Amino acid sequence: MHPATVPPPQPATAPPSPSESLEEITQLLSHLLPSTLSITCFASRWQVLRSKLASLKSLLSEISDSPHWSENPLLPPLLPALLSTLRRVQTLCQHCSDASFSRGKLLMQSDLDMAAGWLSKQINDLELLLRSGVLHQSTAIVLSRPNPSSSKEELTFFIKDLFTRLQIGGLEFKRKGLESLIQLLSEDDKSAALVAKEGNVSCLISLLDLNAHDSLRELAVHAVSLLVSAGDLPRKIVFEEGALGSLLRIIECSSAPIKEKAAMAVESITADADNAWAISAYGGVPILIELCKSGSLTSQAHAIGAIRNVCPVEDIRVALAEEGAVPVLIQLLASGSASAQGKAANCISILASTSEYFRNLLLQEKGLQRLLHLFHECPTADTLEHVLSAICSLSASDTSYRVLSGSTMFIIRIAELIKHGNLRLQHISASLLAKLSITDSNKIAIAGCMGSLLKLMESVKPDAMQEVATKALVSLLSVKANRKELVRDEKNLIRLVQMLDSKNDVVSKKFPVAVVAAIMAGGSQGCRKKLIAAGVYGHLQRLAEMDVAGAKKALHRLSGNRLTSIFSRTWRE
């Protein structure tokens, strides 16, 4: 027997080029369109198919007129699928034209509807390519970020091409598109507004769906988190496209890294007060509270930030109380990161300022003790502001008021902040000092902050700073030793006289007048001499003539001797 003859290997058939595929599709369409005119069965369905075939022919003609269409990497993968669909339509056309064909009516109807659906999807992809303008570029598109000197037009094209890939590309195209988008937003957050305007954000949001591919969903969450944190316009558009619900579902059932990015996005979205209500609509309150309890430190910080953003909404505050948020907030003061501690304190401040109900809840969970402990640990300035603000809000409770008024350590610390803290810390500290009932011994212990309070009386901002600084200073001046201490410093006298000057319109004159009245409340001759020597008397006379509140009373105290002042005060009383 002769050995079997092995045939020589045949060369692999090279796939048709894009031009060849387009030509074959065009020829097939030219044959199909007139062939469908003679079909009488299933007339309405064939009318729909004819309309789609005509639209397809027009689109292909427009594509072929684009000088560089074949260089775009997104188009070639579409052509084989389109050719397959047209061949299927051709087969259906032949069957419907053959009177002897006996296929079931319902099955044929189903096949025709499926063919129409495939054509719709492929037509939509081709329209998207044409609308994006990516087929008119002179070179093949490479997904690399334009350099910083690129024009707005170049960046816009890059964004459109990127989102085109997200909509009609395969898995790898979508993955690379998302990576490029993340790179763009990471390196240039100013591009976010252009991305939101020129990109198809709804397509990006669709990739957040739990049914989307895991790798795409993770990249999409990262991109969305960068987009919403970059400005008001991107945040508004992302919210309006319905991203919040998807992000909350991701927090509920995804891995830790994805939860962190999703929580970051939710915090950014809820930073817009107009979006806060939607947390309840999507059932987000228990999801965020659970993340505060069991998430990573980063997730906790973003989750509590989102809760902080939405707790001004009354309905959400009710939900927070019902879902047990208060103990979680207090726990974060002890175990959270510095960022989470500050946001938790801020949230507590908001809740405590709304009602006695929340103040009682917070006190029951030892909220004041936790806040005071954190306050004395000297955290960052930002955290310290929120902690002190929360303490200030809780001080509206009688229990807290008594505790804070009797705490020498706390009183001394806020006096130090009045002297050395930033303007916000000085304002909150002065507010507390003005409202608390402090013992004379503690007032003497913090006399060193009086000069700083006098200086704060000149501050235009924040609002009410001049008033609270004056009230705090007047409170300290109820002690004789402090009155003498204040006028002993020549810088204090100079500053007080400058504020009393009627030409100085920075400070409302009632405030320095109240300080003079407080200094002279005891009728000290030594204080009187120093004030008169500094020039206070003349300024008070002018202010009394101008009917400035309290000026006449302060002038009377300053002008009379001690015995006369006592008799006058007794007579007035």
Protein backbone atom coordinates (compact mmCIF):
# COMPACT_ATOMS: atom_id res chain seq x y z
CA MET A 1 0.00 0.00 0.00
CA HIS A 2 1.16 3.39 -0.77
CA PRO A 3 1.39 5.70 2.22
CA ALA A 4 -1.45 8.17 2.53
CA THR A 5 -0.70 11.35 0.75
CA VAL A 6 -0.80 14.34 3.06
CA PRO A 7 -2.10 17.38 1.24
CA PRO A 8 0.14 20.43 1.43
CA PRO A 9 -0.98 23.07 3.93
CA GLN A 10 -3.21 25.70 2.47
CA PRO A 11 -2.41 29.34 3.13
CA ALA A 12 -4.78 30.92 5.65
CA THR A 13 -7.40 33.05 4.06
CA ALA A 14 -6.76 36.63 5.02
CA PRO A 15 -9.83 38.45 6.38
CA PRO A 16 -11.29 40.95 3.96
CA SER A 17 -10.09 44.50 4.31
CA PRO A 18 -12.54 47.16 5.54
CA SER A 19 -12.85 48.44 1.97
CA GLU A 20 -13.69 44.98 0.66
CA SER A 21 -16.25 44.40 3.43
CA LEU A 22 -17.89 47.77 2.80
CA GLU A 23 -18.05 47.08 -0.93
CA GLU A 24 -19.68 43.68 -0.37
CA ILE A 25 -22.22 45.20 2.03
CA THR A 26 -23.03 47.94 -0.47
CA GLN A 27 -23.58 45.45 -3.28
CA LEU A 28 -25.80 43.28 -1.08
CA LEU A 29 -27.88 46.29 -0.10
CA SER A 30 -28.29 47.32 -3.74
CA HIS A 31 -29.75 43.90 -4.47
CA LEU A 32 -31.86 43.63 -1.30
CA LEU A 33 -33.73 46.91 -1.45
CA PRO A 34 -35.53 46.32 -4.78
CA SER A 35 -36.09 42.64 -3.91
CA THR A 36 -38.14 43.53 -0.83
CA LEU A 37 -40.58 45.60 -2.89
CA SER A 38 -42.20 42.51 -4.39
CA ILE A 39 -42.86 40.76 -1.06
CA THR A 40 -46.56 40.66 -0.17
CA CYS A 41 -46.61 38.60 3.03
CA PHE A 42 -45.82 40.22 6.37
CA ALA A 43 -46.06 43.57 4.59
CA SER A 44 -45.83 45.76 7.67
CA ARG A 45 -42.69 44.02 8.91
CA TRP A 46 -41.01 44.24 5.54
CA GLN A 47 -41.89 47.93 5.38
CA VAL A 48 -39.98 48.42 8.64
CA LEU A 49 -37.03 46.40 7.28
CA ARG A 50 -37.01 48.39 4.01
CA SER A 51 -36.88 51.63 5.98
CA LYS A 52 -33.91 50.37 7.98
CA LEU A 53 -32.13 49.10 4.88
CA ALA A 54 -32.59 52.51 3.24
CA SER A 55 -31.20 54.26 6.33
CA LEU A 56 -28.28 51.86 6.35
CA LYS A 57 -27.50 52.55 2.69
CA SER A 58 -27.48 56.30 3.37
CA LEU A 59 -25.17 55.88 6.36
CA LEU A 60 -22.74 53.68 4.43
CA SER A 61 -22.64 56.22 1.63
CA GLU A 62 -21.79 58.95 4.16
CA ILE A 63 -19.11 56.75 5.73
CA SER A 64 -17.49 56.01 2.39
CA ASP A 65 -17.36 59.76 1.69
CA SER A 66 -15.28 60.27 4.85
CA PRO A 67 -11.70 60.32 3.54
CA HIS A 68 -10.12 58.38 6.41
CA TRP A 69 -12.93 56.10 7.58
CA SER A 70 -10.92 52.91 7.11
CA GLU A 71 -8.24 54.03 9.58
CA ASN A 72 -10.61 54.15 12.54
CA PRO A 73 -10.27 51.02 14.71
CA LEU A 74 -13.91 51.04 15.78
CA LEU A 75 -15.47 50.57 12.33
CA PRO A 76 -13.88 47.31 11.02
CA PRO A 77 -15.28 45.15 13.86
CA LEU A 78 -18.80 46.37 13.00
CA LEU A 79 -18.70 45.38 9.32
CA PRO A 80 -18.64 41.54 9.61
CA ALA A 81 -21.61 41.56 11.98
CA LEU A 82 -23.47 43.90 9.63
CA LEU A 83 -22.72 41.68 6.66
CA SER A 84 -23.99 38.64 8.58
CA THR A 85 -27.24 40.45 9.38
CA LEU A 86 -27.78 41.45 5.75
CA ARG A 87 -27.19 37.89 4.59
CA ARG A 88 -29.81 36.75 7.09
CA VAL A 89 -32.23 39.37 5.72
CA GLN A 90 -31.47 38.17 2.20
CA THR A 91 -32.37 34.60 3.21
CA LEU A 92 -35.62 35.77 4.80
CA CYS A 93 -36.40 37.75 1.64
CA GLN A 94 -35.95 34.64 -0.50
CA HIS A 95 -38.17 32.56 1.80
CA CYS A 96 -40.96 35.15 1.84
CA SER A 97 -40.78 35.47 -1.95
CA ASP A 98 -41.08 31.68 -2.42
CA ALA A 99 -44.75 30.71 -2.49
CA SER A 100 -43.87 27.07 -1.81
CA PHE A 101 -41.95 27.86 1.38
CA SER A 102 -43.85 26.25 4.28
CA ARG A 103 -42.15 27.63 7.36
CA GLY A 104 -44.41 28.50 10.34
CA LYS A 105 -45.97 31.94 10.33
CA LEU A 106 -45.11 32.77 13.96
CA LEU A 107 -41.52 31.65 13.53
CA MET A 108 -41.11 33.81 10.43
CA GLN A 109 -42.56 36.82 12.23
CA SER A 110 -40.10 36.28 15.06
CA ASP A 111 -37.17 36.01 12.62
CA LEU A 112 -38.20 39.24 10.88
CA ASP A 113 -38.48 41.10 14.21
CA MET A 114 -35.06 39.84 15.29
CA ALA A 115 -33.51 40.97 12.02
CA ALA A 116 -35.08 44.42 12.44
CA GLY A 117 -33.64 44.60 15.98
CA TRP A 118 -30.14 43.67 14.81
CA LEU A 119 -30.30 46.31 12.08
CA SER A 120 -31.46 48.95 14.58
CA LYS A 121 -28.51 48.26 16.84
CA GLN A 122 -26.00 48.32 13.99
CA ILE A 123 -27.49 51.48 12.49
CA ASN A 124 -27.29 53.15 15.90
CA ASP A 125 -23.58 52.26 16.17
CA LEU A 126 -22.85 53.65 12.71
CA GLU A 127 -24.78 56.86 13.46
CA LEU A 128 -22.81 57.24 16.66
CA LEU A 129 -19.53 56.95 14.78
CA LEU A 130 -20.60 59.56 12.25
CA ARG A 131 -21.95 62.01 14.84
CA SER A 132 -18.77 61.80 16.91
CA GLY A 133 -16.71 63.02 13.97
CA VAL A 134 -13.97 60.46 14.63
CA LEU A 135 -14.16 59.15 11.02
CA HIS A 136 -12.90 62.47 9.66
CA GLN A 137 -9.48 62.39 11.31
CA SER A 138 -6.47 62.08 9.04
CA THR A 139 -4.73 59.44 11.18
CA ALA A 140 -5.79 56.42 13.17
CA ILE A 141 -7.01 57.34 16.60
CA VAL A 142 -4.75 56.42 19.49
CA LEU A 143 -6.21 56.74 22.97
CA SER A 144 -3.58 58.94 24.55
CA ARG A 145 -4.32 62.12 26.45
CA PRO A 146 -3.71 65.36 24.50
CA ASN A 147 -0.75 67.30 25.83
CA PRO A 148 -1.30 70.44 27.97
CA SER A 149 -0.85 72.74 24.97
CA SER A 150 -3.63 71.03 22.99
CA SER A 151 -6.52 73.15 21.85
CA LYS A 152 -10.05 72.82 23.16
CA GLU A 153 -11.05 71.31 19.82
CA GLU A 154 -8.41 68.58 20.14
CA LEU A 155 -9.48 67.78 23.68
CA THR A 156 -13.14 67.72 22.62
CA PHE A 157 -12.34 65.24 19.84
CA PHE A 158 -10.41 63.06 22.28
CA ILE A 159 -13.40 63.01 24.64
CA LYS A 160 -15.86 62.18 21.86
CA ASP A 161 -13.69 59.36 20.58
CA LEU A 162 -13.28 58.04 24.11
CA PHE A 163 -17.03 57.92 24.73
CA THR A 164 -17.63 56.43 21.29
CA ARG A 165 -15.43 53.52 22.33
CA LEU A 166 -17.42 53.15 25.55
CA GLN A 167 -20.63 52.82 23.58
CA ILE A 168 -19.81 50.62 20.58
CA GLY A 169 -16.39 49.11 21.29
CA GLY A 170 -15.71 45.65 22.65
CA LEU A 171 -14.52 44.90 26.18
CA GLU A 172 -10.93 45.89 25.49
CA PHE A 173 -11.94 49.13 23.77
CA LYS A 174 -14.18 50.02 26.72
CA ARG A 175 -11.48 49.18 29.25
CA LYS A 176 -8.87 51.32 27.50
CA GLY A 177 -11.40 54.10 27.09
CA LEU A 178 -12.14 54.15 30.82
CA GLU A 179 -8.44 54.07 31.66
CA SER A 180 -7.86 57.07 29.41
CA LEU A 181 -10.79 58.90 30.97
CA ILE A 182 -9.42 58.25 34.47
CA GLN A 183 -5.99 59.48 33.38
CA LEU A 184 -7.49 62.65 31.92
CA LEU A 185 -9.56 63.45 35.02
CA SER A 186 -6.69 62.59 37.39
CA GLU A 187 -4.20 64.85 35.65
CA ASP A 188 -6.50 67.71 34.72
CA ASP A 189 -9.66 68.13 36.80
CA LYS A 190 -10.50 71.26 34.80
CA SER A 191 -11.33 68.96 31.88
CA ALA A 192 -14.25 67.49 33.87
CA ALA A 193 -16.67 70.20 32.73
CA LEU A 194 -15.82 69.47 29.08
CA VAL A 195 -16.16 65.73 29.69
CA ALA A 196 -19.62 66.30 31.21
CA LYS A 197 -20.72 68.49 28.28
CA GLU A 198 -19.23 66.61 25.34
CA GLY A 199 -19.22 63.03 26.62
CA ASN A 200 -22.19 60.68 26.82
CA VAL A 201 -22.40 60.54 30.62
CA SER A 202 -25.41 58.21 30.54
CA CYS A 203 -23.23 55.60 28.83
CA LEU A 204 -20.67 55.91 31.62
CA ILE A 205 -23.40 55.56 34.25
CA SER A 206 -24.74 52.42 32.54
CA LEU A 207 -21.39 50.75 33.27
CA LEU A 208 -22.11 51.12 37.00
CA ASP A 209 -24.84 48.52 36.70
CA LEU A 210 -24.23 45.38 38.71
CA ASN A 211 -24.73 43.36 35.51
CA ALA A 212 -21.83 45.14 33.81
CA HIS A 213 -18.47 43.40 33.52
CA ASP A 214 -16.61 43.57 36.86
CA SER A 215 -13.46 45.17 35.46
CA LEU A 216 -15.49 47.82 33.59
CA ARG A 217 -17.67 48.57 36.61
CA GLU A 218 -14.63 49.14 38.83
CA LEU A 219 -13.06 51.53 36.32
CA ALA A 220 -16.41 53.28 35.78
CA VAL A 221 -16.83 53.88 39.52
CA HIS A 222 -13.34 55.39 39.65
CA ALA A 223 -14.09 57.65 36.68
CA VAL A 224 -17.41 58.79 38.14
CA SER A 225 -15.81 59.55 41.51
CA LEU A 226 -13.22 61.76 39.82
CA LEU A 227 -15.85 63.42 37.64
CA VAL A 228 -18.25 64.39 40.43
CA SER A 229 -15.46 65.66 42.69
CA ALA A 230 -14.23 68.07 40.02
CA GLY A 231 -17.04 70.63 39.98
CA ASP A 232 -20.70 71.59 40.13
CA LEU A 233 -21.58 70.98 36.47
CA PRO A 234 -20.20 67.40 36.28
CA ARG A 235 -21.83 66.61 39.63
CA LYS A 236 -25.19 67.93 38.43
CA ILE A 237 -25.09 65.99 35.16
CA VAL A 238 -23.99 62.73 36.81
CA PHE A 239 -26.78 63.04 39.39
CA GLU A 240 -29.41 63.78 36.76
CA GLU A 241 -28.34 60.66 34.86
CA GLY A 242 -29.31 58.60 37.92
CA ALA A 243 -25.86 57.59 39.18
CA LEU A 244 -26.70 57.86 42.89
CA GLY A 245 -28.85 54.74 43.03
CA SER A 246 -26.26 52.63 41.22
CA LEU A 247 -23.47 53.90 43.47
CA LEU A 248 -25.43 52.98 46.61
CA ARG A 249 -26.05 49.47 45.26
CA ILE A 250 -22.31 49.14 44.62
CA ILE A 251 -21.58 50.18 48.22
CA GLU A 252 -24.04 47.55 49.37
CA CYS A 253 -22.55 44.54 47.59
CA SER A 254 -19.08 45.18 46.16
CA SER A 255 -15.48 44.70 47.26
CA ALA A 256 -13.74 47.16 49.59
CA PRO A 257 -11.75 49.11 46.93
CA ILE A 258 -14.86 49.70 44.80
CA LYS A 259 -16.86 50.69 47.89
CA GLU A 260 -14.29 53.37 48.68
CA LYS A 261 -14.57 54.95 45.24
CA ALA A 262 -18.38 54.67 45.26
CA ALA A 263 -18.59 56.26 48.72
CA MET A 264 -16.32 59.07 47.55
CA ALA A 265 -18.68 59.70 44.62
CA VAL A 266 -21.77 59.66 46.87
CA GLU A 267 -20.15 62.18 49.21
CA SER A 268 -19.39 64.48 46.28
CA ILE A 269 -22.89 64.17 44.80
CA THR A 270 -24.59 64.90 48.14
CA ALA A 271 -22.37 67.96 48.65
CA ASP A 272 -24.96 69.68 46.44
CA ALA A 273 -27.86 70.45 48.78
CA ASP A 274 -30.32 70.01 45.91
CA ASN A 275 -29.31 66.35 45.66
CA ALA A 276 -29.45 65.47 49.36
CA TRP A 277 -33.12 64.41 49.40
CA ALA A 278 -32.40 61.58 46.94
CA ILE A 279 -30.48 59.58 49.55
CA SER A 280 -33.80 58.67 51.17
CA ALA A 281 -35.45 58.01 47.82
CA TYR A 282 -32.78 55.42 47.02
CA GLY A 283 -32.82 53.90 50.52
CA GLY A 284 -29.30 55.13 51.14
CA VAL A 285 -29.42 56.01 54.86
CA PRO A 286 -29.02 52.43 56.22
CA ILE A 287 -26.42 51.66 53.54
CA LEU A 288 -24.26 54.61 54.60
CA ILE A 289 -24.66 53.85 58.30
CA GLU A 290 -23.61 50.23 57.73
CA LEU A 291 -20.55 51.42 55.80
CA CYS A 292 -19.66 53.68 58.74
CA LYS A 293 -19.74 50.60 60.99
CA SER A 294 -18.00 48.01 58.85
CA GLY A 295 -16.14 49.79 56.05
CA SER A 296 -12.46 50.62 55.76
CA LEU A 297 -11.19 53.85 57.30
CA THR A 298 -11.37 55.53 53.89
CA SER A 299 -14.90 54.26 53.24
CA GLN A 300 -16.01 55.38 56.69
CA ALA A 301 -14.69 58.89 56.09
CA HIS A 302 -16.60 59.23 52.81
CA ALA A 303 -19.76 57.62 54.22
CA ILE A 304 -19.88 59.92 57.23
CA GLY A 305 -19.15 62.81 54.88
CA ALA A 306 -22.24 61.91 52.86
CA ILE A 307 -24.32 61.63 56.05
CA ARG A 308 -23.00 65.02 57.12
CA ASN A 309 -24.10 66.45 53.77
CA VAL A 310 -27.67 65.13 54.00
CA CYS A 311 -28.47 65.52 57.71
CA PRO A 312 -29.74 69.12 57.30
CA VAL A 313 -32.79 67.57 55.57
CA GLU A 314 -35.45 66.99 58.23
CA ASP A 315 -36.82 63.72 56.82
CA ILE A 316 -33.30 62.31 56.63
CA ARG A 317 -32.60 63.31 60.25
CA VAL A 318 -35.66 61.28 61.27
CA ALA A 319 -34.33 58.32 59.28
CA LEU A 320 -30.89 58.70 60.87
CA ALA A 321 -32.41 58.52 64.34
CA GLU A 322 -34.57 55.51 63.43
CA GLU A 323 -31.62 53.64 61.90
CA GLY A 324 -29.43 54.18 64.96
CA ALA A 325 -26.96 56.63 63.46
CA VAL A 326 -26.17 58.50 66.70
CA PRO A 327 -24.18 55.69 68.41
CA VAL A 328 -22.27 55.17 65.16
CA LEU A 329 -21.36 58.86 65.02
CA ILE A 330 -20.11 58.82 68.60
CA GLN A 331 -18.07 55.67 67.94
CA LEU A 332 -16.36 57.31 64.95
CA LEU A 333 -15.15 60.09 67.26
CA ALA A 334 -13.07 57.44 69.01
CA SER A 335 -12.12 54.97 66.29
CA GLY A 336 -12.33 56.79 62.97
CA SER A 337 -9.56 58.43 60.99
CA ALA A 338 -8.85 62.14 61.52
CA SER A 339 -11.03 62.91 58.50
CA ALA A 340 -13.89 60.73 59.77
CA GLN A 341 -13.62 62.25 63.26
CA GLY A 342 -13.95 65.77 61.86
CA LYS A 343 -16.91 64.89 59.66
CA ALA A 344 -18.62 63.00 62.49
CA ALA A 345 -18.18 66.00 64.77
CA ASN A 346 -19.56 68.26 62.05
CA CYS A 347 -22.57 65.99 61.69
CA ILE A 348 -23.10 66.00 65.47
CA SER A 349 -22.92 69.79 65.45
CA ILE A 350 -25.68 69.97 62.83
CA LEU A 351 -27.89 67.45 64.62
CA ALA A 352 -27.38 69.06 68.05
CA SER A 353 -28.29 72.48 66.68
CA THR A 354 -31.67 71.28 65.39
CA SER A 355 -33.52 70.07 68.48
CA GLU A 356 -33.40 69.08 72.14
CA TYR A 357 -34.34 65.56 71.00
CA PHE A 358 -31.03 65.07 69.22
CA ARG A 359 -29.08 66.77 72.00
CA ASN A 360 -30.55 64.28 74.48
CA LEU A 361 -29.74 61.34 72.18
CA LEU A 362 -26.16 62.52 71.85
CA LEU A 363 -25.76 63.05 75.59
CA GLN A 364 -27.21 59.60 76.34
CA GLU A 365 -24.44 58.11 74.18
CA LYS A 366 -21.83 60.15 76.11
CA GLY A 367 -21.31 62.40 73.11
CA LEU A 368 -20.08 65.37 75.17
CA GLN A 369 -17.44 63.29 76.95
CA ARG A 370 -16.17 61.89 73.63
CA LEU A 371 -16.04 65.36 72.12
CA LEU A 372 -14.18 66.81 75.10
CA HIS A 373 -11.68 63.95 75.02
CA LEU A 374 -11.05 64.53 71.31
CA PHE A 375 -10.88 68.30 71.90
CA HIS A 376 -8.06 67.93 74.42
CA GLU A 377 -6.09 65.57 72.19
CA CYS A 378 -5.24 68.50 69.89
CA PRO A 379 -6.25 67.02 66.51
CA THR A 380 -5.78 68.93 63.25
CA ALA A 381 -7.14 72.46 63.02
CA ASP A 382 -9.99 71.39 60.72
CA THR A 383 -11.04 68.58 63.04
CA LEU A 384 -10.70 70.87 66.04
CA GLU A 385 -13.08 73.39 64.46
CA HIS A 386 -15.76 70.76 63.94
CA VAL A 387 -15.30 69.29 67.42
CA LEU A 388 -15.52 72.71 69.07
CA SER A 389 -18.54 73.61 66.94
CA ALA A 390 -20.25 70.38 68.07
CA ILE A 391 -19.49 71.21 71.71
CA CYS A 392 -20.92 74.67 71.14
CA SER A 393 -24.13 73.18 69.69
CA LEU A 394 -24.46 70.77 72.63
CA SER A 395 -23.98 73.63 75.10
CA ALA A 396 -27.61 74.60 74.41
CA SER A 397 -28.50 71.68 76.69
CA ASP A 398 -28.65 72.57 80.41
CA THR A 399 -26.59 69.51 81.30
CA SER A 400 -23.83 70.37 78.83
CA TYR A 401 -23.94 74.03 79.87
CA ARG A 402 -23.23 73.14 83.49
CA VAL A 403 -20.46 70.69 82.61
CA LEU A 404 -18.69 73.14 80.32
CA SER A 405 -19.10 76.12 82.65
CA GLY A 406 -17.50 74.18 85.50
CA SER A 407 -14.58 72.70 83.53
CA THR A 408 -11.45 74.71 84.26
CA MET A 409 -9.44 72.67 81.74
CA PHE A 410 -11.95 73.42 78.99
CA ILE A 411 -12.14 77.13 79.84
CA ILE A 412 -8.36 77.47 79.77
CA ARG A 413 -8.14 75.64 76.45
CA ILE A 414 -10.66 77.86 74.67
CA ALA A 415 -8.85 80.91 76.07
CA GLU A 416 -5.66 79.58 74.45
CA LEU A 417 -7.52 79.17 71.16
CA ILE A 418 -8.72 82.78 71.39
CA LYS A 419 -5.09 83.82 71.63
CA HIS A 420 -3.50 81.44 69.13
CA GLY A 421 -6.19 79.72 67.04
CA ASN A 422 -7.28 80.56 63.51
CA LEU A 423 -10.13 83.01 62.99
CA ARG A 424 -12.80 80.31 62.91
CA LEU A 425 -11.55 78.73 66.15
CA GLN A 426 -11.35 82.17 67.76
CA HIS A 427 -14.93 82.87 66.78
CA ILE A 428 -16.32 79.61 68.21
CA SER A 429 -14.22 79.95 71.37
CA ALA A 430 -15.36 83.53 71.93
CA SER A 431 -18.98 82.43 71.41
CA LEU A 432 -18.61 79.80 74.13
CA LEU A 433 -16.84 82.18 76.47
CA ALA A 434 -19.62 84.71 75.98
CA LYS A 435 -22.42 82.28 76.82
CA LEU A 436 -20.96 80.13 79.63
CA SER A 437 -21.32 80.94 83.32
CA ILE A 438 -17.69 81.01 84.43
CA THR A 439 -16.44 81.35 88.00
CA ASP A 440 -14.45 84.44 88.95
CA SER A 441 -11.37 82.35 89.62
CA ASN A 442 -11.52 80.92 86.10
CA LYS A 443 -12.06 84.39 84.67
CA ILE A 444 -8.90 85.55 86.40
CA ALA A 445 -7.06 82.46 85.16
CA ILE A 446 -7.78 83.34 81.52
CA ALA A 447 -7.27 87.10 81.77
CA GLY A 448 -4.45 86.74 79.27
CA CYS A 449 -6.90 86.39 76.39
CA MET A 450 -8.56 89.78 76.95
CA GLY A 451 -6.16 91.60 74.63
CA SER A 452 -6.95 89.06 71.89
CA LEU A 453 -10.69 89.56 72.44
CA LEU A 454 -10.22 93.31 72.14
CA LYS A 455 -8.37 92.76 68.88
CA LEU A 456 -11.12 90.45 67.61
CA MET A 457 -13.61 93.26 68.14
CA GLU A 458 -12.06 94.85 65.04
CA SER A 459 -12.69 91.79 62.84
CA VAL A 460 -15.32 92.32 60.16
CA LYS A 461 -15.57 88.59 59.45
CA PRO A 462 -16.90 86.12 60.29
CA ASP A 463 -20.33 87.57 60.94
CA ALA A 464 -21.06 88.39 64.59
CA MET A 465 -17.39 88.17 65.56
CA GLN A 466 -17.42 91.72 66.95
CA GLU A 467 -20.51 91.00 69.03
CA VAL A 468 -19.33 87.70 70.58
CA ALA A 469 -15.85 89.07 71.25
CA THR A 470 -17.41 92.03 73.06
CA LYS A 471 -19.73 89.83 75.12
CA ALA A 472 -16.86 87.53 76.09
CA LEU A 473 -14.67 90.46 77.08
CA VAL A 474 -17.44 92.15 79.08
CA SER A 475 -17.99 88.85 80.91
CA LEU A 476 -14.32 88.70 81.92
CA LEU A 477 -14.37 92.37 82.98
CA SER A 478 -16.95 91.58 85.68
CA VAL A 479 -13.91 90.74 87.84
CA LYS A 480 -12.05 93.73 89.34
CA ALA A 481 -8.60 92.22 88.79
CA ASN A 482 -9.32 91.78 85.07
CA ARG A 483 -10.45 95.39 84.67
CA LYS A 484 -7.15 96.59 86.07
CA GLU A 485 -5.27 94.04 83.96
CA LEU A 486 -6.85 95.24 80.73
CA VAL A 487 -6.06 98.96 81.15
CA ARG A 488 -2.55 98.23 82.38
CA ASP A 489 -1.51 97.39 78.80
CA GLU A 490 -1.02 100.54 76.72
CA LYS A 491 -1.67 98.62 73.46
CA ASN A 492 -5.11 97.70 74.72
CA LEU A 493 -5.92 101.32 75.52
CA ILE A 494 -4.72 102.52 72.13
CA ARG A 495 -6.86 99.88 70.38
CA LEU A 496 -9.92 100.78 72.49
CA VAL A 497 -9.53 104.50 71.74
CA GLN A 498 -9.19 103.81 68.01
CA MET A 499 -12.43 101.83 68.04
CA LEU A 500 -14.21 104.67 69.88
CA ASP A 501 -13.16 107.22 67.25
CA SER A 502 -16.31 108.26 65.38
CA LYS A 503 -14.30 108.35 62.13
CA ASN A 504 -13.57 104.64 62.46
CA ASP A 505 -16.46 102.92 60.69
CA VAL A 506 -15.05 99.40 60.89
CA VAL A 507 -16.47 98.74 64.35
CA SER A 508 -19.98 99.43 65.57
CA LYS A 509 -19.51 101.99 68.35
CA LYS A 510 -21.83 100.22 70.76
CA PHE A 511 -19.23 97.49 71.25
CA PRO A 512 -16.25 99.58 72.50
CA VAL A 513 -18.72 101.68 74.50
CA ALA A 514 -19.90 98.51 76.27
CA VAL A 515 -16.27 97.68 77.12
CA VAL A 516 -15.70 101.14 78.64
CA ALA A 517 -18.89 100.76 80.68
CA ALA A 518 -17.72 97.33 81.89
CA ILE A 519 -14.29 98.71 82.90
CA MET A 520 -15.93 101.51 84.89
CA ALA A 521 -18.61 99.26 86.44
CA GLY A 522 -16.65 99.16 89.72
CA GLY A 523 -15.85 102.87 89.68
CA SER A 524 -12.09 102.31 89.91
CA GLN A 525 -10.21 105.62 90.09
CA GLY A 526 -7.12 103.99 88.63
CA CYS A 527 -9.01 102.72 85.61
CA ARG A 528 -10.73 106.08 85.20
CA LYS A 529 -7.43 107.94 85.12
CA LYS A 530 -5.94 105.62 82.55
CA LEU A 531 -8.99 105.81 80.28
CA ILE A 532 -9.17 109.60 80.48
CA ALA A 533 -5.43 109.93 79.90
CA ALA A 534 -5.75 107.75 76.80
CA GLY A 535 -8.41 110.08 75.32
CA VAL A 536 -11.52 108.00 75.92
CA TYR A 537 -13.50 110.87 77.47
CA GLY A 538 -13.57 113.07 74.35
CA HIS A 539 -14.64 110.24 72.10
CA LEU A 540 -17.41 109.24 74.51
CA GLN A 541 -18.71 112.82 74.52
CA ARG A 542 -19.04 112.81 70.73
CA LEU A 543 -20.68 109.38 70.76
CA ALA A 544 -23.13 110.52 73.45
CA GLU A 545 -24.06 113.48 71.26
CA MET A 546 -24.62 111.00 68.40
CA ASP A 547 -26.96 108.97 70.68
CA VAL A 548 -24.84 105.83 70.38
CA ALA A 549 -26.37 103.12 72.56
CA GLY A 550 -24.82 103.09 76.04
CA ALA A 551 -22.55 106.09 75.40
CA LYS A 552 -24.26 108.42 77.88
CA LYS A 553 -24.19 105.80 80.62
CA ALA A 554 -20.50 105.06 79.99
CA LEU A 555 -19.71 108.80 79.94
CA HIS A 556 -21.51 109.29 83.23
CA ARG A 557 -19.51 106.49 84.84
CA LEU A 558 -16.27 107.90 83.48
CA SER A 559 -16.94 111.53 84.48
CA GLY A 560 -18.20 111.25 88.09
CA ASN A 561 -16.20 110.36 91.22
CA ARG A 562 -16.68 106.94 92.75
CA LEU A 563 -19.21 108.03 95.42
CA THR A 564 -21.29 109.98 92.88
CA SER A 565 -21.33 106.99 90.57
CA ILE A 566 -22.60 104.75 93.36
CA PHE A 567 -25.38 107.24 94.30
CA SER A 568 -26.34 107.72 90.66
CA ARG A 569 -26.52 103.99 90.06
CA THR A 570 -28.64 103.52 93.20
CA TRP A 571 -31.01 106.29 92.14
CA ARG A 572 -31.42 104.83 88.64
CA GLU A 573 -32.08 101.38 90.02
